[in-house]
Each structure stands twice: as structure tokens, then as C-alpha cells.
Amino acid sequence: MTDYTTVSIPQDLADRVDETIEGTSFSSTSDLVRFLLRSIVIQHEKRGELTESEFQEITEQLQNLGYLD
């Protein structure tokens, strides 16, 4: 059995995520967050750490998608 924890995001961001994932394979905000976090962790595990440029690229992609201000 997998244990879970809760991550809080502002409601306006949750609403934007819901709009963004409409028509995608993501069925919920949690699905998208798990996917994004797994992607970051996998990159970290492969290289031992994220470079500053990789972190910046991820940050810019999330900003472009509206997940970060």
C-alpha cells in the first residue's frame, strides 16, 4: 500500500490547472503534479543533481504553462 501526503496550492492555480488538463490524459491536478515531480526526480537521479540551467528550464516551462507566477 502506498502512503500519500497532501500538497496545498492556491485555489486560483488549481482552477487554472483544471482548465489546462481538460482534454489531456491527466484526470486531476494530482495526476499532473505527480507527473511533473516524477519527471524532476528522474532527471535528478540520472544525473545526480539538476544543473542550474535544467532547473531554470523547468521553471520557465512551468511559468509558461501558468503553474508558477
Protein backbone atom coordinates (compact mmCIF):
# COMPACT_ATOMS: atom_id res chain seq x y z
CA MET A 1 0.00 0.00 0.00
CA THR A 2 1.29 3.45 -0.92
CA ASP A 3 1.20 6.24 1.65
CA TYR A 4 0.24 9.71 0.45
CA THR A 5 0.80 13.25 1.63
CA THR A 6 -1.05 16.44 0.81
CA VAL A 7 0.36 19.37 -1.14
CA SER A 8 -1.51 22.67 -1.00
CA ILE A 9 -1.75 25.10 -3.88
CA PRO A 10 -3.82 28.27 -4.16
CA GLN A 11 -7.36 27.73 -5.45
CA ASP A 12 -6.83 30.04 -8.44
CA LEU A 13 -3.88 27.89 -9.51
CA ALA A 14 -5.92 24.71 -9.03
CA ASP A 15 -8.64 26.20 -11.25
CA ARG A 16 -6.07 27.06 -13.93
CA VAL A 17 -4.65 23.54 -13.76
CA ASP A 18 -8.15 22.06 -14.14
CA GLU A 19 -8.66 24.16 -17.28
CA THR A 20 -5.22 23.24 -18.61
CA ILE A 21 -5.66 19.48 -18.22
CA GLU A 22 -9.05 19.37 -19.95
CA GLY A 23 -8.73 17.10 -22.96
CA THR A 24 -5.43 15.58 -21.79
CA SER A 25 -4.59 12.22 -20.29
CA PHE A 26 -4.38 13.84 -16.83
CA SER A 27 -7.56 13.20 -14.89
CA SER A 28 -6.77 15.51 -11.98
CA THR A 29 -4.42 18.12 -10.61
CA SER A 30 -2.82 15.39 -8.52
CA ASP A 31 -2.05 13.36 -11.67
CA LEU A 32 -0.30 16.32 -13.24
CA VAL A 33 1.66 17.20 -10.09
CA ARG A 34 2.80 13.57 -9.70
CA PHE A 35 3.92 13.53 -13.34
CA LEU A 36 5.87 16.78 -13.00
CA LEU A 37 7.52 15.79 -9.74
CA ARG A 38 8.44 12.34 -11.05
CA SER A 39 10.00 13.96 -14.13
CA ILE A 40 12.13 16.24 -11.98
CA VAL A 41 13.15 13.42 -9.62
CA ILE A 42 14.05 11.11 -12.53
CA GLN A 43 16.26 13.82 -14.06
CA HIS A 44 17.91 14.33 -10.70
CA GLU A 45 18.50 10.60 -10.18
CA LYS A 46 20.01 10.16 -13.66
CA ARG A 47 22.49 12.97 -13.27
CA GLY A 48 22.98 13.10 -9.53
CA GLU A 49 21.67 16.66 -9.47
CA LEU A 50 19.91 19.17 -11.65
CA THR A 51 22.10 21.81 -13.18
CA GLU A 52 21.09 25.42 -12.70
CA SER A 53 20.14 25.63 -16.40
CA GLU A 54 17.96 22.49 -16.15
CA PHE A 55 16.22 23.89 -13.07
CA GLN A 56 15.72 27.21 -14.88
CA GLU A 57 14.31 25.42 -17.94
CA ILE A 58 11.81 23.51 -15.80
CA THR A 59 10.85 26.72 -14.01
CA GLU A 60 10.30 28.53 -17.33
CA GLN A 61 8.19 25.66 -18.68
CA LEU A 62 6.02 25.71 -15.55
CA GLN A 63 5.68 29.51 -15.81
CA ASN A 64 4.69 29.22 -19.48
CA LEU A 65 2.04 26.68 -18.53
CA GLY A 66 0.75 29.05 -15.85
CA TYR A 67 1.75 26.94 -12.85
CA LEU A 68 4.21 29.48 -11.46
CA ASP A 69 3.88 33.24 -11.24
